[in-house]
Amino acid sequence: DESYGLAKARNMGLIEATGEIVVFCDDRLIMHPGAVAAFVT
């Protein structure tokens, strides 16, 4: 019944991630359609 917290939640996401590039995006932020391409470039 305990909340894990934002930082720990992000860390758990990193464990599951398989990408060579990692982008953090909180649920309240809508990414621009070209954001991922810009990061990769």
PDB file of all heavy atoms in Angstrom:
ATOM      1  N   ASP A   1       0.805  -1.211   0.000  1.00  0.00           N
ATOM      2  CA  ASP A   1       0.000   0.000   0.000  1.00  0.00           C
ATOM      3  C   ASP A   1       0.843   1.268   0.000  1.00  0.00           C
ATOM      4  O   ASP A   1       0.333   2.354   0.197  1.00  0.00           O
ATOM      5  CB  ASP A   1      -0.940   0.028   1.223  1.00  0.00           C
ATOM      6  CG  ASP A   1      -2.039  -1.000   1.103  1.00  0.00           C
ATOM      7  OD1 ASP A   1      -2.413  -1.308  -0.038  1.00  0.00           O
ATOM      8  OD2 ASP A   1      -2.514  -1.491   2.137  1.00  0.00           O
ATOM      9  N   GLU A   2       2.136   1.139  -0.201  1.00  0.00           N
ATOM     10  CA  GLU A   2       3.006   2.304  -0.155  1.00  0.00           C
ATOM     11  C   GLU A   2       3.334   2.790  -1.559  1.00  0.00           C
ATOM     12  O   GLU A   2       3.603   2.004  -2.449  1.00  0.00           O
ATOM     13  CB  GLU A   2       4.312   1.957   0.560  1.00  0.00           C
ATOM     14  CG  GLU A   2       4.125   1.558   2.008  1.00  0.00           C
ATOM     15  CD  GLU A   2       5.438   1.137   2.638  1.00  0.00           C
ATOM     16  OE1 GLU A   2       6.495   1.542   2.131  1.00  0.00           O
ATOM     17  OE2 GLU A   2       5.392   0.406   3.626  1.00  0.00           O
ATOM     18  N   SER A   3       3.333   4.094  -1.725  1.00  0.00           N
ATOM     19  CA  SER A   3       3.748   4.677  -2.990  1.00  0.00           C
ATOM     20  C   SER A   3       5.262   4.567  -3.104  1.00  0.00           C
ATOM     21  O   SER A   3       5.981   4.754  -2.129  1.00  0.00           O
ATOM     22  CB  SER A   3       3.326   6.152  -3.047  1.00  0.00           C
ATOM     23  OG  SER A   3       3.790   6.741  -4.224  1.00  0.00           O
ATOM     24  N   TYR A   4       5.754   4.252  -4.279  1.00  0.00           N
ATOM     25  CA  TYR A   4       7.183   4.058  -4.469  1.00  0.00           C
ATOM     26  C   TYR A   4       7.899   5.382  -4.715  1.00  0.00           C
ATOM     27  O   TYR A   4       9.078   5.502  -4.495  1.00  0.00           O
ATOM     28  CB  TYR A   4       7.394   3.093  -5.634  1.00  0.00           C
ATOM     29  CG  TYR A   4       8.649   2.277  -5.527  1.00  0.00           C
ATOM     30  CD1 TYR A   4       8.929   1.534  -4.392  1.00  0.00           C
ATOM     31  CD2 TYR A   4       9.566   2.252  -6.562  1.00  0.00           C
ATOM     32  CE1 TYR A   4      10.077   0.782  -4.295  1.00  0.00           C
ATOM     33  CE2 TYR A   4      10.723   1.499  -6.474  1.00  0.00           C
ATOM     34  CZ  TYR A   4      10.959   0.758  -5.337  1.00  0.00           C
ATOM     35  OH  TYR A   4      12.099   0.022  -5.245  1.00  0.00           O
ATOM     36  N   GLY A   5       7.200   6.393  -5.218  1.00  0.00           N
ATOM     37  CA  GLY A   5       7.806   7.699  -5.449  1.00  0.00           C
ATOM     38  C   GLY A   5       8.339   7.846  -6.862  1.00  0.00           C
ATOM     39  O   GLY A   5       8.679   6.873  -7.525  1.00  0.00           O
ATOM     40  N   LEU A   6       8.416   9.097  -7.329  1.00  0.00           N
ATOM     41  CA  LEU A   6       8.789   9.404  -8.710  1.00  0.00           C
ATOM     42  C   LEU A   6      10.190   8.913  -9.073  1.00  0.00           C
ATOM     43  O   LEU A   6      10.381   8.253 -10.094  1.00  0.00           O
ATOM     44  CB  LEU A   6       8.667  10.909  -8.961  1.00  0.00           C
ATOM     45  CG  LEU A   6       9.031  11.394 -10.357  1.00  0.00           C
ATOM     46  CD1 LEU A   6       8.148  10.746 -11.408  1.00  0.00           C
ATOM     47  CD2 LEU A   6       8.917  12.913 -10.416  1.00  0.00           C
ATOM     48  N   ALA A   7      11.172   9.226  -8.268  1.00  0.00           N
ATOM     49  CA  ALA A   7      12.551   8.837  -8.596  1.00  0.00           C
ATOM     50  C   ALA A   7      12.695   7.323  -8.669  1.00  0.00           C
ATOM     51  O   ALA A   7      13.293   6.786  -9.605  1.00  0.00           O
ATOM     52  CB  ALA A   7      13.523   9.418  -7.575  1.00  0.00           C
ATOM     53  N   LYS A   8      12.128   6.628  -7.705  1.00  0.00           N
ATOM     54  CA  LYS A   8      12.224   5.169  -7.705  1.00  0.00           C
ATOM     55  C   LYS A   8      11.412   4.573  -8.849  1.00  0.00           C
ATOM     56  O   LYS A   8      11.815   3.584  -9.445  1.00  0.00           O
ATOM     57  CB  LYS A   8      11.786   4.604  -6.362  1.00  0.00           C
ATOM     58  CG  LYS A   8      12.786   4.904  -5.261  1.00  0.00           C
ATOM     59  CD  LYS A   8      12.364   4.297  -3.943  1.00  0.00           C
ATOM     60  CE  LYS A   8      13.376   4.623  -2.868  1.00  0.00           C
ATOM     61  NZ  LYS A   8      12.994   4.103  -1.571  1.00  0.00           N
ATOM     62  N   ALA A   9      10.277   5.189  -9.173  1.00  0.00           N
ATOM     63  CA  ALA A   9       9.481   4.711 -10.313  1.00  0.00           C
ATOM     64  C   ALA A   9      10.285   4.833 -11.597  1.00  0.00           C
ATOM     65  O   ALA A   9      10.297   3.926 -12.435  1.00  0.00           O
ATOM     66  CB  ALA A   9       8.176   5.495 -10.411  1.00  0.00           C
ATOM     67  N   ARG A  10      10.971   5.960 -11.779  1.00  0.00           N
ATOM     68  CA  ARG A  10      11.814   6.130 -12.965  1.00  0.00           C
ATOM     69  C   ARG A  10      12.916   5.083 -13.002  1.00  0.00           C
ATOM     70  O   ARG A  10      13.248   4.543 -14.059  1.00  0.00           O
ATOM     71  CB  ARG A  10      12.409   7.534 -12.989  1.00  0.00           C
ATOM     72  CG  ARG A  10      11.413   8.597 -13.357  1.00  0.00           C
ATOM     73  CD  ARG A  10      12.053   9.962 -13.330  1.00  0.00           C
ATOM     74  NE  ARG A  10      11.127  10.972 -13.823  1.00  0.00           N
ATOM     75  CZ  ARG A  10      11.285  12.256 -13.643  1.00  0.00           C
ATOM     76  NH1 ARG A  10      12.332  12.717 -12.990  1.00  0.00           N
ATOM     77  NH2 ARG A  10      10.408  13.104 -14.126  1.00  0.00           N
ATOM     78  N   ASN A  11      13.508   4.798 -11.851  1.00  0.00           N
ATOM     79  CA  ASN A  11      14.564   3.783 -11.794  1.00  0.00           C
ATOM     80  C   ASN A  11      14.031   2.408 -12.181  1.00  0.00           C
ATOM     81  O   ASN A  11      14.701   1.648 -12.884  1.00  0.00           O
ATOM     82  CB  ASN A  11      15.203   3.734 -10.407  1.00  0.00           C
ATOM     83  CG  ASN A  11      16.085   4.931 -10.141  1.00  0.00           C
ATOM     84  OD1 ASN A  11      16.566   5.578 -11.068  1.00  0.00           O
ATOM     85  ND2 ASN A  11      16.279   5.246  -8.877  1.00  0.00           N
ATOM     86  N   MET A  12      12.830   2.080 -11.736  1.00  0.00           N
ATOM     87  CA  MET A  12      12.235   0.799 -12.111  1.00  0.00           C
ATOM     88  C   MET A  12      11.964   0.751 -13.614  1.00  0.00           C
ATOM     89  O   MET A  12      12.098  -0.289 -14.247  1.00  0.00           O
ATOM     90  CB  MET A  12      10.963   0.546 -11.305  1.00  0.00           C
ATOM     91  CG  MET A  12      11.260   0.253  -9.840  1.00  0.00           C
ATOM     92  SD  MET A  12       9.775  -0.060  -8.875  1.00  0.00           S
ATOM     93  CE  MET A  12       9.419  -1.737  -9.377  1.00  0.00           C
ATOM     94  N   GLY A  13      11.599   1.897 -14.189  1.00  0.00           N
ATOM     95  CA  GLY A  13      11.420   1.967 -15.635  1.00  0.00           C
ATOM     96  C   GLY A  13      12.722   1.730 -16.380  1.00  0.00           C
ATOM     97  O   GLY A  13      12.748   1.071 -17.424  1.00  0.00           O
ATOM     98  N   LEU A  14      13.811   2.266 -15.840  1.00  0.00           N
ATOM     99  CA  LEU A  14      15.124   2.040 -16.450  1.00  0.00           C
ATOM    100  C   LEU A  14      15.483   0.564 -16.476  1.00  0.00           C
ATOM    101  O   LEU A  14      16.085   0.080 -17.430  1.00  0.00           O
ATOM    102  CB  LEU A  14      16.206   2.802 -15.688  1.00  0.00           C
ATOM    103  CG  LEU A  14      16.369   4.268 -16.038  1.00  0.00           C
ATOM    104  CD1 LEU A  14      17.330   4.938 -15.070  1.00  0.00           C
ATOM    105  CD2 LEU A  14      16.851   4.430 -17.460  1.00  0.00           C
ATOM    106  N   ILE A  15      15.118  -0.164 -15.434  1.00  0.00           N
ATOM    107  CA  ILE A  15      15.401  -1.598 -15.383  1.00  0.00           C
ATOM    108  C   ILE A  15      14.687  -2.319 -16.524  1.00  0.00           C
ATOM    109  O   ILE A  15      15.244  -3.216 -17.152  1.00  0.00           O
ATOM    110  CB  ILE A  15      14.993  -2.180 -14.013  1.00  0.00           C
ATOM    111  CG1 ILE A  15      15.925  -1.641 -12.925  1.00  0.00           C
ATOM    112  CG2 ILE A  15      15.002  -3.702 -14.030  1.00  0.00           C
ATOM    113  CD1 ILE A  15      15.460  -1.914 -11.511  1.00  0.00           C
ATOM    114  N   GLU A  16      13.471  -1.917 -16.828  1.00  0.00           N
ATOM    115  CA  GLU A  16      12.677  -2.575 -17.875  1.00  0.00           C
ATOM    116  C   GLU A  16      12.992  -2.078 -19.281  1.00  0.00           C
ATOM    117  O   GLU A  16      12.670  -2.725 -20.262  1.00  0.00           O
ATOM    118  CB  GLU A  16      11.186  -2.385 -17.599  1.00  0.00           C
ATOM    119  CG  GLU A  16      10.709  -3.066 -16.346  1.00  0.00           C
ATOM    120  CD  GLU A  16      10.932  -4.574 -16.382  1.00  0.00           C
ATOM    121  OE1 GLU A  16      10.740  -5.197 -17.437  1.00  0.00           O
ATOM    122  OE2 GLU A  16      11.316  -5.125 -15.333  1.00  0.00           O
ATOM    123  N   ALA A  17      13.613  -0.921 -19.396  1.00  0.00           N
ATOM    124  CA  ALA A  17      13.877  -0.312 -20.703  1.00  0.00           C
ATOM    125  C   ALA A  17      14.892  -1.124 -21.497  1.00  0.00           C
ATOM    126  O   ALA A  17      15.855  -1.644 -20.954  1.00  0.00           O
ATOM    127  CB  ALA A  17      14.390   1.112 -20.514  1.00  0.00           C
ATOM    128  N   THR A  18      14.671  -1.211 -22.816  1.00  0.00           N
ATOM    129  CA  THR A  18      15.601  -1.917 -23.694  1.00  0.00           C
ATOM    130  C   THR A  18      16.245  -0.980 -24.711  1.00  0.00           C
ATOM    131  O   THR A  18      17.080  -1.408 -25.493  1.00  0.00           O
ATOM    132  CB  THR A  18      14.897  -3.060 -24.451  1.00  0.00           C
ATOM    133  OG1 THR A  18      13.836  -2.521 -25.220  1.00  0.00           O
ATOM    134  CG2 THR A  18      14.381  -4.117 -23.501  1.00  0.00           C
ATOM    135  N   GLY A  19      15.877   0.288 -24.715  1.00  0.00           N
ATOM    136  CA  GLY A  19      16.411   1.227 -25.689  1.00  0.00           C
ATOM    137  C   GLY A  19      17.833   1.657 -25.378  1.00  0.00           C
ATOM    138  O   GLY A  19      18.273   1.634 -24.232  1.00  0.00           O
ATOM    139  N   GLU A  20      18.537   2.066 -26.422  1.00  0.00           N
ATOM    140  CA  GLU A  20      19.880   2.611 -26.255  1.00  0.00           C
ATOM    141  C   GLU A  20      19.818   4.072 -25.813  1.00  0.00           C
ATOM    142  O   GLU A  20      20.770   4.596 -25.252  1.00  0.00           O
ATOM    143  CB  GLU A  20      20.659   2.493 -27.561  1.00  0.00           C
ATOM    144  CG  GLU A  20      20.980   1.061 -27.935  1.00  0.00           C
ATOM    145  CD  GLU A  20      21.691   0.954 -29.268  1.00  0.00           C
ATOM    146  OE1 GLU A  20      22.400   1.904 -29.662  1.00  0.00           O
ATOM    147  OE2 GLU A  20      21.521  -0.081 -29.923  1.00  0.00           O
ATOM    148  N   ILE A  21      18.706   4.722 -26.124  1.00  0.00           N
ATOM    149  CA  ILE A  21      18.453   6.092 -25.682  1.00  0.00           C
ATOM    150  C   ILE A  21      17.212   6.059 -24.799  1.00  0.00           C
ATOM    151  O   ILE A  21      16.227   5.397 -25.124  1.00  0.00           O
ATOM    152  CB  ILE A  21      18.241   7.038 -26.882  1.00  0.00           C
ATOM    153  CG1 ILE A  21      19.530   7.139 -27.698  1.00  0.00           C
ATOM    154  CG2 ILE A  21      17.767   8.416 -26.427  1.00  0.00           C
ATOM    155  CD1 ILE A  21      19.404   7.955 -28.966  1.00  0.00           C
ATOM    156  N   VAL A  22      17.272   6.762 -23.678  1.00  0.00           N
ATOM    157  CA  VAL A  22      16.151   6.802 -22.742  1.00  0.00           C
ATOM    158  C   VAL A  22      15.636   8.232 -22.660  1.00  0.00           C
ATOM    159  O   VAL A  22      16.418   9.174 -22.505  1.00  0.00           O
ATOM    160  CB  VAL A  22      16.588   6.310 -21.347  1.00  0.00           C
ATOM    161  CG1 VAL A  22      15.458   6.451 -20.342  1.00  0.00           C
ATOM    162  CG2 VAL A  22      17.063   4.870 -21.418  1.00  0.00           C
ATOM    163  N   VAL A  23      14.327   8.381 -22.775  1.00  0.00           N
ATOM    164  CA  VAL A  23      13.668   9.679 -22.659  1.00  0.00           C
ATOM    165  C   VAL A  23      12.675   9.572 -21.497  1.00  0.00           C
ATOM    166  O   VAL A  23      11.859   8.655 -21.466  1.00  0.00           O
ATOM    167  CB  VAL A  23      12.911  10.048 -23.957  1.00  0.00           C
ATOM    168  CG1 VAL A  23      12.140  11.341 -23.793  1.00  0.00           C
ATOM    169  CG2 VAL A  23      13.858  10.121 -25.139  1.00  0.00           C
ATOM    170  N   PHE A  24      12.766  10.501 -20.552  1.00  0.00           N
ATOM    171  CA  PHE A  24      11.806  10.546 -19.455  1.00  0.00           C
ATOM    172  C   PHE A  24      10.716  11.548 -19.813  1.00  0.00           C
ATOM    173  O   PHE A  24      11.016  12.673 -20.218  1.00  0.00           O
ATOM    174  CB  PHE A  24      12.483  10.991 -18.157  1.00  0.00           C
ATOM    175  CG  PHE A  24      13.463   9.984 -17.629  1.00  0.00           C
ATOM    176  CD1 PHE A  24      14.818  10.129 -17.879  1.00  0.00           C
ATOM    177  CD2 PHE A  24      13.037   8.902 -16.884  1.00  0.00           C
ATOM    178  CE1 PHE A  24      15.736   9.214 -17.397  1.00  0.00           C
ATOM    179  CE2 PHE A  24      13.945   7.977 -16.400  1.00  0.00           C
ATOM    180  CZ  PHE A  24      15.296   8.129 -16.660  1.00  0.00           C
ATOM    181  N   CYS A  25       9.477  11.128 -19.673  1.00  0.00           N
ATOM    182  CA  CYS A  25       8.346  12.018 -19.961  1.00  0.00           C
ATOM    183  C   CYS A  25       7.257  11.742 -18.935  1.00  0.00           C
ATOM    184  O   CYS A  25       6.656  10.670 -18.949  1.00  0.00           O
ATOM    185  CB  CYS A  25       7.826  11.779 -21.379  1.00  0.00           C
ATOM    186  SG  CYS A  25       6.441  12.835 -21.815  1.00  0.00           S
ATOM    187  N   ASP A  26       7.016  12.691 -18.051  1.00  0.00           N
ATOM    188  CA  ASP A  26       5.956  12.508 -17.075  1.00  0.00           C
ATOM    189  C   ASP A  26       4.606  12.478 -17.779  1.00  0.00           C
ATOM    190  O   ASP A  26       4.433  13.055 -18.857  1.00  0.00           O
ATOM    191  CB  ASP A  26       5.997  13.612 -16.025  1.00  0.00           C
ATOM    192  CG  ASP A  26       7.181  13.448 -15.085  1.00  0.00           C
ATOM    193  OD1 ASP A  26       7.884  12.422 -15.191  1.00  0.00           O
ATOM    194  OD2 ASP A  26       7.414  14.332 -14.258  1.00  0.00           O
ATOM    195  N   ASP A  27       3.643  11.845 -17.149  1.00  0.00           N
ATOM    196  CA  ASP A  27       2.337  11.627 -17.777  1.00  0.00           C
ATOM    197  C   ASP A  27       1.605  12.914 -18.145  1.00  0.00           C
ATOM    198  O   ASP A  27       0.787  12.933 -19.046  1.00  0.00           O
ATOM    199  CB  ASP A  27       1.451  10.770 -16.878  1.00  0.00           C
ATOM    200  CG  ASP A  27       1.228  11.364 -15.496  1.00  0.00           C
ATOM    201  OD1 ASP A  27       1.669  12.512 -15.245  1.00  0.00           O
ATOM    202  OD2 ASP A  27       0.606  10.684 -14.661  1.00  0.00           O
ATOM    203  N   ARG A  28       1.905  14.012 -17.512  1.00  0.00           N
ATOM    204  CA  ARG A  28       1.187  15.260 -17.775  1.00  0.00           C
ATOM    205  C   ARG A  28       1.751  16.046 -18.957  1.00  0.00           C
ATOM    206  O   ARG A  28       1.188  17.048 -19.367  1.00  0.00           O
ATOM    207  CB  ARG A  28       1.171  16.134 -16.530  1.00  0.00           C
ATOM    208  CG  ARG A  28       2.523  16.716 -16.181  1.00  0.00           C
ATOM    209  CD  ARG A  28       2.475  17.493 -14.876  1.00  0.00           C
ATOM    210  NE  ARG A  28       3.714  18.159 -14.612  1.00  0.00           N
ATOM    211  CZ  ARG A  28       4.799  17.594 -14.110  1.00  0.00           C
ATOM    212  NH1 ARG A  28       4.783  16.302 -13.830  1.00  0.00           N
ATOM    213  NH2 ARG A  28       5.889  18.286 -13.894  1.00  0.00           N
ATOM    214  N   LEU A  29       2.905  15.631 -19.491  1.00  0.00           N
ATOM    215  CA  LEU A  29       3.536  16.352 -20.589  1.00  0.00           C
ATOM    216  C   LEU A  29       3.305  15.628 -21.908  1.00  0.00           C
ATOM    217  O   LEU A  29       3.618  14.446 -22.036  1.00  0.00           O
ATOM    218  CB  LEU A  29       5.040  16.490 -20.347  1.00  0.00           C
ATOM    219  CG  LEU A  29       5.431  17.266 -19.098  1.00  0.00           C
ATOM    220  CD1 LEU A  29       6.938  17.227 -18.910  1.00  0.00           C
ATOM    221  CD2 LEU A  29       4.953  18.697 -19.181  1.00  0.00           C
ATOM    222  N   ILE A  30       2.762  16.344 -22.870  1.00  0.00           N
ATOM    223  CA  ILE A  30       2.543  15.778 -24.199  1.00  0.00           C
ATOM    224  C   ILE A  30       3.752  16.119 -25.058  1.00  0.00           C
ATOM    225  O   ILE A  30       4.099  17.285 -25.222  1.00  0.00           O
ATOM    226  CB  ILE A  30       1.258  16.355 -24.848  1.00  0.00           C
ATOM    227  CG1 ILE A  30       0.038  16.089 -23.957  1.00  0.00           C
ATOM    228  CG2 ILE A  30       1.068  15.812 -26.243  1.00  0.00           C
ATOM    229  CD1 ILE A  30      -0.381  14.654 -23.859  1.00  0.00           C
ATOM    230  N   MET A  31       4.377  15.106 -25.613  1.00  0.00           N
ATOM    231  CA  MET A  31       5.573  15.326 -26.422  1.00  0.00           C
ATOM    232  C   MET A  31       5.201  15.835 -27.816  1.00  0.00           C
ATOM    233  O   MET A  31       4.234  15.373 -28.416  1.00  0.00           O
ATOM    234  CB  MET A  31       6.368  14.028 -26.562  1.00  0.00           C
ATOM    235  CG  MET A  31       6.969  13.560 -25.267  1.00  0.00           C
ATOM    236  SD  MET A  31       7.743  11.935 -25.386  1.00  0.00           S
ATOM    237  CE  MET A  31       9.165  12.316 -26.364  1.00  0.00           C
ATOM    238  N   HIS A  32       5.981  16.749 -28.325  1.00  0.00           N
ATOM    239  CA  HIS A  32       5.859  17.212 -29.696  1.00  0.00           C
ATOM    240  C   HIS A  32       6.105  16.007 -30.615  1.00  0.00           C
ATOM    241  O   HIS A  32       6.936  15.148 -30.297  1.00  0.00           O
ATOM    242  CB  HIS A  32       6.892  18.312 -29.958  1.00  0.00           C
ATOM    243  CG  HIS A  32       6.811  18.900 -31.309  1.00  0.00           C
ATOM    244  ND1 HIS A  32       7.392  18.303 -32.398  1.00  0.00           N
ATOM    245  CD2 HIS A  32       6.224  20.017 -31.762  1.00  0.00           C
ATOM    246  CE1 HIS A  32       7.166  19.029 -33.466  1.00  0.00           C
ATOM    247  NE2 HIS A  32       6.451  20.078 -33.101  1.00  0.00           N
ATOM    248  N   PRO A  33       5.412  15.912 -31.761  1.00  0.00           N
ATOM    249  CA  PRO A  33       5.600  14.748 -32.644  1.00  0.00           C
ATOM    250  C   PRO A  33       7.036  14.542 -33.122  1.00  0.00           C
ATOM    251  O   PRO A  33       7.411  13.436 -33.489  1.00  0.00           O
ATOM    252  CB  PRO A  33       4.678  15.045 -33.828  1.00  0.00           C
ATOM    253  CG  PRO A  33       3.640  15.953 -33.284  1.00  0.00           C
ATOM    254  CD  PRO A  33       4.327  16.779 -32.232  1.00  0.00           C
ATOM    255  N   GLY A  34       7.861  15.559 -33.085  1.00  0.00           N
ATOM    256  CA  GLY A  34       9.245  15.415 -33.511  1.00  0.00           C
ATOM    257  C   GLY A  34      10.243  15.326 -32.367  1.00  0.00           C
ATOM    258  O   GLY A  34      11.462  15.337 -32.596  1.00  0.00           O
ATOM    259  N   ALA A  35       9.760  15.215 -31.133  1.00  0.00           N
ATOM    260  CA  ALA A  35      10.652  15.245 -29.965  1.00  0.00           C
ATOM    261  C   ALA A  35      11.627  14.072 -29.952  1.00  0.00           C
ATOM    262  O   ALA A  35      12.829  14.255 -29.767  1.00  0.00           O
ATOM    263  CB  ALA A  35       9.839  15.271 -28.675  1.00  0.00           C
ATOM    264  N   VAL A  36      11.135  12.850 -30.148  1.00  0.00           N
ATOM    265  CA  VAL A  36      12.018  11.684 -30.092  1.00  0.00           C
ATOM    266  C   VAL A  36      13.048  11.749 -31.218  1.00  0.00           C
ATOM    267  O   VAL A  36      14.237  11.496 -31.004  1.00  0.00           O
ATOM    268  CB  VAL A  36      11.214  10.367 -30.134  1.00  0.00           C
ATOM    269  CG1 VAL A  36      12.139   9.165 -30.195  1.00  0.00           C
ATOM    270  CG2 VAL A  36      10.302  10.261 -28.910  1.00  0.00           C
ATOM    271  N   ALA A  37      12.611  12.132 -32.410  1.00  0.00           N
ATOM    272  CA  ALA A  37      13.549  12.266 -33.536  1.00  0.00           C
ATOM    273  C   ALA A  37      14.619  13.304 -33.227  1.00  0.00           C
ATOM    274  O   ALA A  37      15.802  13.107 -33.537  1.00  0.00           O
ATOM    275  CB  ALA A  37      12.792  12.636 -34.811  1.00  0.00           C
ATOM    276  N   ALA A  38      14.236  14.403 -32.586  1.00  0.00           N
ATOM    277  CA  ALA A  38      15.206  15.449 -32.236  1.00  0.00           C
ATOM    278  C   ALA A  38      16.215  14.934 -31.210  1.00  0.00           C
ATOM    279  O   ALA A  38      17.415  15.206 -31.330  1.00  0.00           O
ATOM    280  CB  ALA A  38      14.482  16.675 -31.700  1.00  0.00           C
ATOM    281  N   PHE A  39      15.740  14.195 -30.213  1.00  0.00           N
ATOM    282  CA  PHE A  39      16.656  13.607 -29.239  1.00  0.00           C
ATOM    283  C   PHE A  39      17.644  12.670 -29.922  1.00  0.00           C
ATOM    284  O   PHE A  39      18.843  12.742 -29.690  1.00  0.00           O
ATOM    285  CB  PHE A  39      15.889  12.828 -28.164  1.00  0.00           C
ATOM    286  CG  PHE A  39      15.367  13.669 -27.048  1.00  0.00           C
ATOM    287  CD1 PHE A  39      14.014  13.874 -26.908  1.00  0.00           C
ATOM    288  CD2 PHE A  39      16.227  14.244 -26.131  1.00  0.00           C
ATOM    289  CE1 PHE A  39      13.517  14.646 -25.869  1.00  0.00           C
ATOM    290  CE2 PHE A  39      15.742  15.021 -25.086  1.00  0.00           C
ATOM    291  CZ  PHE A  39      14.384  15.222 -24.962  1.00  0.00           C
ATOM    292  N   VAL A  40      17.134  11.784 -30.766  1.00  0.00           N
ATOM    293  CA  VAL A  40      17.995  10.810 -31.440  1.00  0.00           C
ATOM    294  C   VAL A  40      19.005  11.520 -32.336  1.00  0.00           C
ATOM    295  O   VAL A  40      20.194  11.191 -32.330  1.00  0.00           O
ATOM    296  CB  VAL A  40      17.152   9.793 -32.242  1.00  0.00           C
ATOM    297  CG1 VAL A  40      18.034   8.915 -33.108  1.00  0.00           C
ATOM    298  CG2 VAL A  40      16.313   8.948 -31.290  1.00  0.00           C
ATOM    299  N   THR A  41      18.555  12.517 -33.092  1.00  0.00           N
ATOM    300  CA  THR A  41      19.460  13.263 -33.973  1.00  0.00           C
ATOM    301  C   THR A  41      20.577  13.909 -33.166  1.00  0.00           C
ATOM    302  O   THR A  41      21.749  13.816 -33.524  1.00  0.00           O
ATOM    303  CB  THR A  41      18.682  14.336 -34.762  1.00  0.00           C
ATOM    304  OG1 THR A  41      17.710  13.675 -35.569  1.00  0.00           O
ATOM    305  CG2 THR A  41      19.604  15.154 -35.631  1.00  0.00           C
TER     306      THR A  41
END
